[in-house]
Amino acid sequence: MWISHVLRRCRVEKQGRLKKGAKAAIRTVRNREKSGSLIDKMYQDKVVLCGASAYDKKYYLNEDFAALPEQIQKELQIMCVLFTEEIGGVLTLDFDEDGTLCFEVVANEDDFCFDEIGSALKIKQLQREKQELLEALQLFYKVFFLEENIEELLTEE
């Protein structure tokens, strides 16, 4: 289901009808070596997809991913917010330099309610239950940000 959303996005991009937000995201990534700003340096190591904080009670979605379907954006928000409400701390979903989606959890040292063991177990549970969504997000990132060939990526799987 999620992969079909990503494939639809890829076909639309190939036909030149990509949403304005996605074009800006692609342009940002392509131009990242030309600029020396702090934001551009962030894109050299990892790209934050989204995150949620139990401390601030806030959710963040990187505006470069505004081209994702609304249903996927909502699914990410629900997943992140429920995680931080249950476990605590701050959860971010990041893409590393090869396009792998990583879960990162950080907690304040004085947060005695943070469940470190539960955190690892919950991440494994999410990776199992949301496997199709996470693989589709990786595919989306590899095609639109890393500009890898979609046919090659699909034949690898």
Protein backbone atom coordinates (compact mmCIF):
# COMPACT_ATOMS: atom_id res chain seq x y z
CA MET A 1 0.00 0.00 0.00
CA TRP A 2 2.66 2.53 1.03
CA ILE A 3 4.96 1.43 -1.78
CA SER A 4 2.21 2.19 -4.31
CA HIS A 5 2.05 5.77 -2.93
CA VAL A 6 5.80 6.14 -3.40
CA LEU A 7 5.73 4.61 -6.88
CA ARG A 8 2.92 6.97 -7.84
CA ARG A 9 5.07 9.88 -6.62
CA CYS A 10 8.03 8.58 -8.63
CA ARG A 11 5.98 8.31 -11.82
CA VAL A 12 4.60 11.81 -11.30
CA GLU A 13 8.13 13.16 -10.82
CA LYS A 14 9.32 11.44 -14.00
CA GLN A 15 6.48 13.14 -15.89
CA GLY A 16 7.47 16.54 -14.49
CA ARG A 17 4.38 17.17 -12.37
CA LEU A 18 6.00 17.01 -8.94
CA LYS A 19 4.58 19.21 -6.18
CA LYS A 20 6.38 22.47 -5.47
CA GLY A 21 7.54 21.29 -2.00
CA ALA A 22 9.23 18.21 -3.40
CA LYS A 23 10.98 20.22 -6.11
CA ALA A 24 12.31 22.57 -3.44
CA ALA A 25 13.51 19.60 -1.38
CA ILE A 26 15.32 18.11 -4.35
CA ARG A 27 16.83 21.47 -5.23
CA THR A 28 18.00 21.89 -1.60
CA VAL A 29 19.75 18.54 -1.61
CA ARG A 30 21.35 19.11 -5.02
CA ASN A 31 22.72 22.49 -3.94
CA ARG A 32 23.93 21.43 -0.51
CA GLU A 33 27.61 21.25 -1.51
CA LYS A 34 27.51 24.78 -2.93
CA SER A 35 26.63 26.38 0.39
CA GLY A 36 28.45 26.32 3.71
CA SER A 37 25.52 27.06 6.03
CA LEU A 38 24.81 25.05 9.17
CA ILE A 39 21.57 23.64 7.73
CA ASP A 40 23.39 22.45 4.63
CA LYS A 41 26.03 20.74 6.79
CA MET A 42 23.21 18.86 8.55
CA TYR A 43 22.29 17.30 5.22
CA GLN A 44 25.80 15.90 4.79
CA ASP A 45 25.49 13.47 7.71
CA LYS A 46 21.79 12.80 8.14
CA VAL A 47 18.42 14.20 7.22
CA VAL A 48 15.71 14.40 9.87
CA LEU A 49 12.37 13.18 8.57
CA CYS A 50 10.31 13.88 11.68
CA GLY A 51 10.40 13.83 15.45
CA ALA A 52 8.40 14.24 18.62
CA SER A 53 9.25 15.36 22.14
CA ALA A 54 7.63 14.25 25.37
CA TYR A 55 9.15 17.29 27.08
CA ASP A 56 7.79 20.00 24.77
CA LYS A 57 4.71 18.02 23.70
CA LYS A 58 5.51 18.90 20.08
CA TYR A 59 5.79 17.10 16.76
CA TYR A 60 8.02 18.18 13.88
CA LEU A 61 7.93 17.17 10.21
CA ASN A 62 10.79 18.38 8.04
CA GLU A 63 9.25 20.75 5.47
CA ASP A 64 11.37 19.12 2.76
CA PHE A 65 9.02 16.13 3.06
CA ALA A 66 5.81 18.10 2.52
CA ALA A 67 5.35 16.21 -0.77
CA LEU A 68 4.62 12.99 1.11
CA PRO A 69 0.94 12.01 0.96
CA GLU A 70 -1.09 13.40 3.86
CA GLN A 71 -2.01 9.91 5.03
CA ILE A 72 1.67 9.03 5.44
CA GLN A 73 2.37 12.32 7.23
CA LYS A 74 -0.44 11.56 9.69
CA GLU A 75 0.80 8.00 10.20
CA LEU A 76 4.27 9.33 11.06
CA GLN A 77 2.81 11.87 13.47
CA ILE A 78 0.70 9.27 15.26
CA MET A 79 3.62 6.86 15.48
CA CYS A 80 6.06 9.44 16.90
CA VAL A 81 3.65 11.07 19.35
CA LEU A 82 2.39 7.75 20.74
CA PHE A 83 5.99 6.59 21.16
CA THR A 84 6.99 9.64 23.20
CA GLU A 85 3.81 9.53 25.28
CA GLU A 86 4.40 5.89 26.17
CA ILE A 87 8.20 5.85 26.51
CA GLY A 88 9.21 9.49 27.05
CA GLY A 89 12.20 11.37 25.71
CA VAL A 90 12.64 12.68 22.18
CA LEU A 91 12.24 10.44 19.12
CA THR A 92 13.56 11.40 15.69
CA LEU A 93 13.47 9.47 12.44
CA ASP A 94 16.58 10.22 10.37
CA PHE A 95 17.95 9.13 7.02
CA ASP A 96 21.67 8.41 7.03
CA GLU A 97 23.94 9.04 4.05
CA ASP A 98 22.99 5.79 2.27
CA GLY A 99 19.24 6.34 2.73
CA THR A 100 18.60 4.02 5.65
CA LEU A 101 15.86 5.22 8.00
CA CYS A 102 17.05 5.23 11.61
CA PHE A 103 15.20 5.72 14.90
CA GLU A 104 17.03 7.91 17.43
CA VAL A 105 15.88 8.35 21.01
CA VAL A 106 17.34 10.87 23.43
CA ALA A 107 16.32 11.52 27.04
CA ASN A 108 17.34 14.06 29.65
CA GLU A 109 19.62 12.67 32.35
CA ASP A 110 17.20 13.76 35.05
CA ASP A 111 14.20 12.09 33.37
CA PHE A 112 13.52 9.19 35.71
CA CYS A 113 10.29 8.29 33.90
CA PHE A 114 12.12 7.49 30.64
CA ASP A 115 11.97 3.77 29.86
CA GLU A 116 15.25 2.86 28.14
CA ILE A 117 14.48 -0.85 27.82
CA GLY A 118 10.93 -0.13 26.69
CA SER A 119 12.37 2.26 24.12
CA ALA A 120 14.38 -0.46 22.38
CA LEU A 121 11.46 -2.89 22.52
CA LYS A 122 9.02 -0.30 21.14
CA ILE A 123 11.36 0.55 18.25
CA LYS A 124 11.63 -3.15 17.32
CA GLN A 125 7.84 -3.42 17.49
CA LEU A 126 7.39 -0.37 15.23
CA GLN A 127 9.95 -1.69 12.76
CA ARG A 128 7.99 -4.95 12.54
CA GLU A 129 4.50 -3.44 12.41
CA LYS A 130 5.36 -0.52 10.11
CA GLN A 131 7.85 -2.34 7.90
CA GLU A 132 6.04 -1.56 4.65
CA LEU A 133 5.72 2.14 5.51
CA LEU A 134 9.38 2.42 6.54
CA GLU A 135 10.58 0.66 3.39
CA ALA A 136 8.42 2.96 1.25
CA LEU A 137 9.88 6.02 2.99
CA GLN A 138 13.40 4.76 2.32
CA LEU A 139 12.52 4.22 -1.33
CA PHE A 140 11.03 7.73 -1.55
CA TYR A 141 14.18 9.22 -0.02
CA LYS A 142 16.56 7.26 -2.25
CA VAL A 143 14.69 8.24 -5.42
CA PHE A 144 13.98 11.91 -4.71
CA PHE A 145 16.88 12.96 -2.49
CA LEU A 146 19.73 10.64 -3.46
CA GLU A 147 18.51 10.46 -7.09
CA GLU A 148 18.98 6.71 -7.34
CA ASN A 149 17.35 4.83 -10.21
CA ILE A 150 14.00 3.42 -9.12
CA GLU A 151 14.19 0.43 -11.47
CA GLU A 152 17.50 -0.65 -9.91
CA LEU A 153 16.12 -0.22 -6.40
CA LEU A 154 13.04 -2.31 -7.14
CA THR A 155 15.05 -5.11 -8.73
CA GLU A 156 17.29 -5.30 -5.62
CA GLU A 157 14.25 -6.11 -3.48
